[in-house]
Amino acid sequence: MQRFGEKLRFLRINSQLSQQELALVLGLTARGYISEIEAGKKKPTAELVLKVARFFNVTTDELLKDEIEVRQYEYPPH
């Protein structure tokens, strides 16, 4: 789970989304939480992990297990 923020950043940038855009898609009011997670300052809630997995069409294992690399299967709609 140490690499969750790194993986989130990869998925977000690969989808050409800003932190603000991703925050809105995930139902957050501000980008600050996304920024802190990507920087490793905060850990995501289980609810956020599920939302991220669904949005980017990846598994929760890919997001949470450090030994598994994350990849996008298809681009999410913008």
PDB file of N, CA and C in Angstrom:
ATOM      1  N   MET A   1       0.821  -1.202   0.000  1.00  0.00           N
ATOM      2  CA  MET A   1       0.000   0.000   0.000  1.00  0.00           C
ATOM      3  C   MET A   1       0.862   1.262   0.000  1.00  0.00           C
ATOM      4  N   GLN A   2       2.145   1.094   0.189  1.00  0.00           N
ATOM      5  CA  GLN A   2       3.041   2.247   0.200  1.00  0.00           C
ATOM      6  C   GLN A   2       3.029   2.994  -1.130  1.00  0.00           C
ATOM      7  N   ARG A   3       2.773   2.280  -2.210  1.00  0.00           N
ATOM      8  CA  ARG A   3       2.859   2.876  -3.543  1.00  0.00           C
ATOM      9  C   ARG A   3       1.516   3.340  -4.083  1.00  0.00           C
ATOM     10  N   PHE A   4       0.469   3.318  -3.278  1.00  0.00           N
ATOM     11  CA  PHE A   4      -0.854   3.694  -3.776  1.00  0.00           C
ATOM     12  C   PHE A   4      -0.825   5.085  -4.414  1.00  0.00           C
ATOM     13  N   GLY A   5      -0.225   6.053  -3.743  1.00  0.00           N
ATOM     14  CA  GLY A   5      -0.171   7.417  -4.260  1.00  0.00           C
ATOM     15  C   GLY A   5       0.538   7.511  -5.591  1.00  0.00           C
ATOM     16  N   GLU A   6       1.620   6.774  -5.708  1.00  0.00           N
ATOM     17  CA  GLU A   6       2.382   6.739  -6.965  1.00  0.00           C
ATOM     18  C   GLU A   6       1.527   6.162  -8.095  1.00  0.00           C
ATOM     19  N   LYS A   7       0.807   5.101  -7.789  1.00  0.00           N
ATOM     20  CA  LYS A   7      -0.052   4.473  -8.786  1.00  0.00           C
ATOM     21  C   LYS A   7      -1.220   5.386  -9.164  1.00  0.00           C
ATOM     22  N   LEU A   8      -1.789   6.052  -8.170  1.00  0.00           N
ATOM     23  CA  LEU A   8      -2.879   6.984  -8.435  1.00  0.00           C
ATOM     24  C   LEU A   8      -2.399   8.105  -9.353  1.00  0.00           C
ATOM     25  N   ARG A   9      -1.235   8.636  -9.073  1.00  0.00           N
ATOM     26  CA  ARG A   9      -0.670   9.711  -9.903  1.00  0.00           C
ATOM     27  C   ARG A   9      -0.459   9.221 -11.336  1.00  0.00           C
ATOM     28  N   PHE A  10       0.092   8.017 -11.492  1.00  0.00           N
ATOM     29  CA  PHE A  10       0.303   7.437 -12.822  1.00  0.00           C
ATOM     30  C   PHE A  10      -1.015   7.344 -13.586  1.00  0.00           C
ATOM     31  N   LEU A  11      -2.031   6.803 -12.944  1.00  0.00           N
ATOM     32  CA  LEU A  11      -3.326   6.640 -13.608  1.00  0.00           C
ATOM     33  C   LEU A  11      -3.939   7.988 -13.969  1.00  0.00           C
ATOM     34  N   ARG A  12      -3.845   8.939 -13.059  1.00  0.00           N
ATOM     35  CA  ARG A  12      -4.416  10.266 -13.294  1.00  0.00           C
ATOM     36  C   ARG A  12      -3.723  10.957 -14.468  1.00  0.00           C
ATOM     37  N   ILE A  13      -2.415  10.965 -14.453  1.00  0.00           N
ATOM     38  CA  ILE A  13      -1.661  11.639 -15.520  1.00  0.00           C
ATOM     39  C   ILE A  13      -1.848  10.919 -16.844  1.00  0.00           C
ATOM     40  N   ASN A  14      -1.849   9.597 -16.808  1.00  0.00           N
ATOM     41  CA  ASN A  14      -2.045   8.808 -18.022  1.00  0.00           C
ATOM     42  C   ASN A  14      -3.418   9.083 -18.642  1.00  0.00           C
ATOM     43  N   SER A  15      -4.369   9.466 -17.822  1.00  0.00           N
ATOM     44  CA  SER A  15      -5.716   9.798 -18.303  1.00  0.00           C
ATOM     45  C   SER A  15      -5.886  11.283 -18.582  1.00  0.00           C
ATOM     46  N   GLN A  16      -4.797  12.023 -18.454  1.00  0.00           N
ATOM     47  CA  GLN A  16      -4.788  13.465 -18.713  1.00  0.00           C
ATOM     48  C   GLN A  16      -5.799  14.215 -17.843  1.00  0.00           C
ATOM     49  N   LEU A  17      -5.827  13.856 -16.562  1.00  0.00           N
ATOM     50  CA  LEU A  17      -6.712  14.522 -15.603  1.00  0.00           C
ATOM     51  C   LEU A  17      -5.886  15.347 -14.630  1.00  0.00           C
ATOM     52  N   SER A  18      -6.393  16.499 -14.258  1.00  0.00           N
ATOM     53  CA  SER A  18      -5.762  17.275 -13.197  1.00  0.00           C
ATOM     54  C   SER A  18      -6.208  16.689 -11.860  1.00  0.00           C
ATOM     55  N   GLN A  19      -5.550  17.080 -10.797  1.00  0.00           N
ATOM     56  CA  GLN A  19      -5.975  16.628  -9.468  1.00  0.00           C
ATOM     57  C   GLN A  19      -7.392  17.111  -9.185  1.00  0.00           C
ATOM     58  N   GLN A  20      -7.704  18.317  -9.592  1.00  0.00           N
ATOM     59  CA  GLN A  20      -9.046  18.871  -9.380  1.00  0.00           C
ATOM     60  C   GLN A  20     -10.102  18.067 -10.132  1.00  0.00           C
ATOM     61  N   GLU A  21      -9.816  17.742 -11.382  1.00  0.00           N
ATOM     62  CA  GLU A  21     -10.771  16.959 -12.178  1.00  0.00           C
ATOM     63  C   GLU A  21     -11.010  15.588 -11.559  1.00  0.00           C
ATOM     64  N   LEU A  22      -9.933  14.940 -11.113  1.00  0.00           N
ATOM     65  CA  LEU A  22     -10.077  13.629 -10.489  1.00  0.00           C
ATOM     66  C   LEU A  22     -10.862  13.735  -9.181  1.00  0.00           C
ATOM     67  N   ALA A  23     -10.576  14.761  -8.414  1.00  0.00           N
ATOM     68  CA  ALA A  23     -11.306  14.955  -7.159  1.00  0.00           C
ATOM     69  C   ALA A  23     -12.804  15.063  -7.423  1.00  0.00           C
ATOM     70  N   LEU A  24     -13.178  15.835  -8.415  1.00  0.00           N
ATOM     71  CA  LEU A  24     -14.599  15.995  -8.743  1.00  0.00           C
ATOM     72  C   LEU A  24     -15.231  14.680  -9.182  1.00  0.00           C
ATOM     73  N   VAL A  25     -14.528  13.927 -10.010  1.00  0.00           N
ATOM     74  CA  VAL A  25     -15.027  12.639 -10.491  1.00  0.00           C
ATOM     75  C   VAL A  25     -15.245  11.672  -9.322  1.00  0.00           C
ATOM     76  N   LEU A  26     -14.364  11.738  -8.336  1.00  0.00           N
ATOM     77  CA  LEU A  26     -14.438  10.825  -7.198  1.00  0.00           C
ATOM     78  C   LEU A  26     -15.362  11.334  -6.092  1.00  0.00           C
ATOM     79  N   GLY A  27     -15.972  12.494  -6.320  1.00  0.00           N
ATOM     80  CA  GLY A  27     -16.918  13.022  -5.343  1.00  0.00           C
ATOM     81  C   GLY A  27     -16.295  13.791  -4.206  1.00  0.00           C
ATOM     82  N   LEU A  28     -15.067  14.263  -4.409  1.00  0.00           N
ATOM     83  CA  LEU A  28     -14.388  15.058  -3.385  1.00  0.00           C
ATOM     84  C   LEU A  28     -14.592  16.534  -3.686  1.00  0.00           C
ATOM     85  N   THR A  29     -14.564  17.356  -2.654  1.00  0.00           N
ATOM     86  CA  THR A  29     -14.817  18.782  -2.858  1.00  0.00           C
ATOM     87  C   THR A  29     -13.572  19.565  -3.253  1.00  0.00           C
ATOM     88  N   ALA A  30     -12.384  19.023  -2.966  1.00  0.00           N
ATOM     89  CA  ALA A  30     -11.156  19.750  -3.272  1.00  0.00           C
ATOM     90  C   ALA A  30     -10.057  18.776  -3.669  1.00  0.00           C
ATOM     91  N   ARG A  31      -9.058  19.296  -4.358  1.00  0.00           N
ATOM     92  CA  ARG A  31      -7.964  18.457  -4.837  1.00  0.00           C
ATOM     93  C   ARG A  31      -6.928  18.153  -3.757  1.00  0.00           C
ATOM     94  N   GLY A  32      -7.001  18.825  -2.627  1.00  0.00           N
ATOM     95  CA  GLY A  32      -5.998  18.676  -1.571  1.00  0.00           C
ATOM     96  C   GLY A  32      -5.805  17.248  -1.103  1.00  0.00           C
ATOM     97  N   TYR A  33      -6.884  16.527  -0.966  1.00  0.00           N
ATOM     98  CA  TYR A  33      -6.811  15.136  -0.515  1.00  0.00           C
ATOM     99  C   TYR A  33      -6.075  14.276  -1.538  1.00  0.00           C
ATOM    100  N   ILE A  34      -6.360  14.494  -2.818  1.00  0.00           N
ATOM    101  CA  ILE A  34      -5.663  13.766  -3.890  1.00  0.00           C
ATOM    102  C   ILE A  34      -4.175  14.086  -3.840  1.00  0.00           C
ATOM    103  N   SER A  35      -3.845  15.345  -3.679  1.00  0.00           N
ATOM    104  CA  SER A  35      -2.458  15.778  -3.615  1.00  0.00           C
ATOM    105  C   SER A  35      -1.722  15.104  -2.454  1.00  0.00           C
ATOM    106  N   GLU A  36      -2.362  15.059  -1.289  1.00  0.00           N
ATOM    107  CA  GLU A  36      -1.732  14.456  -0.114  1.00  0.00           C
ATOM    108  C   GLU A  36      -1.568  12.948  -0.277  1.00  0.00           C
ATOM    109  N   ILE A  37      -2.512  12.295  -0.918  1.00  0.00           N
ATOM    110  CA  ILE A  37      -2.391  10.859  -1.160  1.00  0.00           C
ATOM    111  C   ILE A  37      -1.260  10.594  -2.151  1.00  0.00           C
ATOM    112  N   GLU A  38      -1.215  11.355  -3.230  1.00  0.00           N
ATOM    113  CA  GLU A  38      -0.157  11.161  -4.224  1.00  0.00           C
ATOM    114  C   GLU A  38       1.218  11.404  -3.623  1.00  0.00           C
ATOM    115  N   ALA A  39       1.319  12.317  -2.682  1.00  0.00           N
ATOM    116  CA  ALA A  39       2.591  12.635  -2.036  1.00  0.00           C
ATOM    117  C   ALA A  39       2.940  11.655  -0.916  1.00  0.00           C
ATOM    118  N   GLY A  40       2.020  10.750  -0.609  1.00  0.00           N
ATOM    119  CA  GLY A  40       2.267   9.785   0.455  1.00  0.00           C
ATOM    120  C   GLY A  40       2.040  10.321   1.851  1.00  0.00           C
ATOM    121  N   LYS A  41       1.415  11.490   1.961  1.00  0.00           N
ATOM    122  CA  LYS A  41       1.173  12.108   3.269  1.00  0.00           C
ATOM    123  C   LYS A  41      -0.073  11.547   3.948  1.00  0.00           C
ATOM    124  N   LYS A  42      -1.000  11.027   3.155  1.00  0.00           N
ATOM    125  CA  LYS A  42      -2.229  10.440   3.702  1.00  0.00           C
ATOM    126  C   LYS A  42      -2.477   9.103   3.032  1.00  0.00           C
ATOM    127  N   LYS A  43      -3.190   8.238   3.745  1.00  0.00           N
ATOM    128  CA  LYS A  43      -3.601   6.951   3.194  1.00  0.00           C
ATOM    129  C   LYS A  43      -5.054   7.064   2.750  1.00  0.00           C
ATOM    130  N   PRO A  44      -5.408   6.388   1.677  1.00  0.00           N
ATOM    131  CA  PRO A  44      -6.785   6.466   1.184  1.00  0.00           C
ATOM    132  C   PRO A  44      -7.734   5.648   2.046  1.00  0.00           C
ATOM    133  N   THR A  45      -8.976   6.033   2.046  1.00  0.00           N
ATOM    134  CA  THR A  45     -10.001   5.229   2.704  1.00  0.00           C
ATOM    135  C   THR A  45     -10.343   4.054   1.791  1.00  0.00           C
ATOM    136  N   ALA A  46     -10.963   3.034   2.360  1.00  0.00           N
ATOM    137  CA  ALA A  46     -11.387   1.886   1.560  1.00  0.00           C
ATOM    138  C   ALA A  46     -12.362   2.332   0.480  1.00  0.00           C
ATOM    139  N   GLU A  47     -13.240   3.266   0.815  1.00  0.00           N
ATOM    140  CA  GLU A  47     -14.219   3.782  -0.151  1.00  0.00           C
ATOM    141  C   GLU A  47     -13.517   4.446  -1.334  1.00  0.00           C
ATOM    142  N   LEU A  48     -12.489   5.230  -1.053  1.00  0.00           N
ATOM    143  CA  LEU A  48     -11.768   5.896  -2.137  1.00  0.00           C
ATOM    144  C   LEU A  48     -11.046   4.880  -3.013  1.00  0.00           C
ATOM    145  N   VAL A  49     -10.451   3.867  -2.410  1.00  0.00           N
ATOM    146  CA  VAL A  49      -9.763   2.829  -3.187  1.00  0.00           C
ATOM    147  C   VAL A  49     -10.742   2.178  -4.162  1.00  0.00           C
ATOM    148  N   LEU A  50     -11.944   1.870  -3.694  1.00  0.00           N
ATOM    149  CA  LEU A  50     -12.953   1.264  -4.567  1.00  0.00           C
ATOM    150  C   LEU A  50     -13.365   2.200  -5.697  1.00  0.00           C
ATOM    151  N   LYS A  51     -13.545   3.487  -5.379  1.00  0.00           N
ATOM    152  CA  LYS A  51     -13.923   4.456  -6.408  1.00  0.00           C
ATOM    153  C   LYS A  51     -12.833   4.591  -7.468  1.00  0.00           C
ATOM    154  N   VAL A  52     -11.582   4.634  -7.024  1.00  0.00           N
ATOM    155  CA  VAL A  52     -10.454   4.747  -7.951  1.00  0.00           C
ATOM    156  C   VAL A  52     -10.385   3.512  -8.844  1.00  0.00           C
ATOM    157  N   ALA A  53     -10.524   2.336  -8.245  1.00  0.00           N
ATOM    158  CA  ALA A  53     -10.467   1.091  -9.021  1.00  0.00           C
ATOM    159  C   ALA A  53     -11.565   1.052 -10.073  1.00  0.00           C
ATOM    160  N   ARG A  54     -12.751   1.427  -9.688  1.00  0.00           N
ATOM    161  CA  ARG A  54     -13.866   1.412 -10.645  1.00  0.00           C
ATOM    162  C   ARG A  54     -13.665   2.433 -11.753  1.00  0.00           C
ATOM    163  N   PHE A  55     -13.252   3.632 -11.377  1.00  0.00           N
ATOM    164  CA  PHE A  55     -13.102   4.692 -12.368  1.00  0.00           C
ATOM    165  C   PHE A  55     -12.025   4.354 -13.402  1.00  0.00           C
ATOM    166  N   PHE A  56     -10.880   3.852 -12.927  1.00  0.00           N
ATOM    167  CA  PHE A  56      -9.775   3.574 -13.834  1.00  0.00           C
ATOM    168  C   PHE A  56      -9.788   2.146 -14.379  1.00  0.00           C
ATOM    169  N   ASN A  57     -10.798   1.367 -13.998  1.00  0.00           N
ATOM    170  CA  ASN A  57     -10.938  -0.004 -14.473  1.00  0.00           C
ATOM    171  C   ASN A  57      -9.700  -0.845 -14.159  1.00  0.00           C
ATOM    172  N   VAL A  58      -9.270  -0.784 -12.900  1.00  0.00           N
ATOM    173  CA  VAL A  58      -8.170  -1.602 -12.399  1.00  0.00           C
ATOM    174  C   VAL A  58      -8.676  -2.346 -11.167  1.00  0.00           C
ATOM    175  N   THR A  59      -7.922  -3.316 -10.711  1.00  0.00           N
ATOM    176  CA  THR A  59      -8.337  -4.051  -9.518  1.00  0.00           C
ATOM    177  C   THR A  59      -7.813  -3.373  -8.262  1.00  0.00           C
ATOM    178  N   THR A  60      -8.461  -3.659  -7.160  1.00  0.00           N
ATOM    179  CA  THR A  60      -7.970  -3.127  -5.886  1.00  0.00           C
ATOM    180  C   THR A  60      -6.622  -3.749  -5.554  1.00  0.00           C
ATOM    181  N   ASP A  61      -6.391  -4.989  -5.969  1.00  0.00           N
ATOM    182  CA  ASP A  61      -5.076  -5.612  -5.760  1.00  0.00           C
ATOM    183  C   ASP A  61      -3.985  -4.815  -6.461  1.00  0.00           C
ATOM    184  N   GLU A  62      -4.257  -4.402  -7.693  1.00  0.00           N
ATOM    185  CA  GLU A  62      -3.262  -3.612  -8.428  1.00  0.00           C
ATOM    186  C   GLU A  62      -2.939  -2.316  -7.695  1.00  0.00           C
ATOM    187  N   LEU A  63      -3.946  -1.728  -7.083  1.00  0.00           N
ATOM    188  CA  LEU A  63      -3.739  -0.466  -6.379  1.00  0.00           C
ATOM    189  C   LEU A  63      -3.038  -0.653  -5.037  1.00  0.00           C
ATOM    190  N   LEU A  64      -3.369  -1.715  -4.329  1.00  0.00           N
ATOM    191  CA  LEU A  64      -2.915  -1.859  -2.950  1.00  0.00           C
ATOM    192  C   LEU A  64      -1.667  -2.713  -2.756  1.00  0.00           C
ATOM    193  N   LYS A  65      -1.437  -3.667  -3.637  1.00  0.00           N
ATOM    194  CA  LYS A  65      -0.270  -4.529  -3.480  1.00  0.00           C
ATOM    195  C   LYS A  65       0.927  -3.913  -4.186  1.00  0.00           C
ATOM    196  N   ASP A  66       1.949  -3.606  -3.396  1.00  0.00           N
ATOM    197  CA  ASP A  66       3.112  -2.904  -3.934  1.00  0.00           C
ATOM    198  C   ASP A  66       3.864  -3.699  -4.990  1.00  0.00           C
ATOM    199  N   GLU A  67       3.800  -5.022  -4.920  1.00  0.00           N
ATOM    200  CA  GLU A  67       4.556  -5.839  -5.863  1.00  0.00           C
ATOM    201  C   GLU A  67       3.866  -5.989  -7.216  1.00  0.00           C
ATOM    202  N   ILE A  68       2.628  -5.521  -7.326  1.00  0.00           N
ATOM    203  CA  ILE A  68       1.887  -5.595  -8.583  1.00  0.00           C
ATOM    204  C   ILE A  68       1.888  -4.216  -9.238  1.00  0.00           C
ATOM    205  N   GLU A  69       2.249  -4.192 -10.512  1.00  0.00           N
ATOM    206  CA  GLU A  69       2.218  -2.930 -11.252  1.00  0.00           C
ATOM    207  C   GLU A  69       0.792  -2.662 -11.721  1.00  0.00           C
ATOM    208  N   VAL A  70       0.452  -1.414 -11.828  1.00  0.00           N
ATOM    209  CA  VAL A  70      -0.879  -1.030 -12.259  1.00  0.00           C
ATOM    210  C   VAL A  70      -0.840  -0.658 -13.737  1.00  0.00           C
ATOM    211  N   ARG A  71      -1.900  -1.007 -14.426  1.00  0.00           N
ATOM    212  CA  ARG A  71      -2.013  -0.617 -15.836  1.00  0.00           C
ATOM    213  C   ARG A  71      -3.488  -0.363 -16.118  1.00  0.00           C
ATOM    214  N   GLN A  72      -3.730   0.467 -17.056  1.00  0.00           N
ATOM    215  CA  GLN A  72      -5.113   0.764 -17.422  1.00  0.00           C
ATOM    216  C   GLN A  72      -5.537  -0.160 -18.539  1.00  0.00           C
ATOM    217  N   TYR A  73      -6.724  -0.684 -18.409  1.00  0.00           N
ATOM    218  CA  TYR A  73      -7.269  -1.564 -19.429  1.00  0.00           C
ATOM    219  C   TYR A  73      -7.996  -0.777 -20.500  1.00  0.00           C
ATOM    220  N   GLU A  74      -8.617   0.316 -20.103  1.00  0.00           N
ATOM    221  CA  GLU A  74      -9.275   1.208 -21.053  1.00  0.00           C
ATOM    222  C   GLU A  74      -9.347   2.569 -20.404  1.00  0.00           C
ATOM    223  N   TYR A  75      -9.399   3.578 -21.203  1.00  0.00           N
ATOM    224  CA  TYR A  75      -9.453   4.928 -20.671  1.00  0.00           C
ATOM    225  C   TYR A  75     -10.845   5.242 -20.163  1.00  0.00           C
ATOM    226  N   PRO A  76     -10.932   5.894 -19.010  1.00  0.00           N
ATOM    227  CA  PRO A  76     -12.245   6.286 -18.505  1.00  0.00           C
ATOM    228  C   PRO A  76     -12.816   7.441 -19.321  1.00  0.00           C
ATOM    229  N   PRO A  77     -14.116   7.575 -19.341  1.00  0.00           N
ATOM    230  CA  PRO A  77     -14.713   8.715 -20.054  1.00  0.00           C
ATOM    231  C   PRO A  77     -14.377  10.014 -19.327  1.00  0.00           C
ATOM    232  N   HIS A  78     -14.182  11.066 -20.067  1.00  0.00           N
ATOM    233  CA  HIS A  78     -13.897  12.368 -19.454  1.00  0.00           C
ATOM    234  C   HIS A  78     -15.151  13.175 -19.365  1.00  0.00           C
TER     235      HIS A  78
END
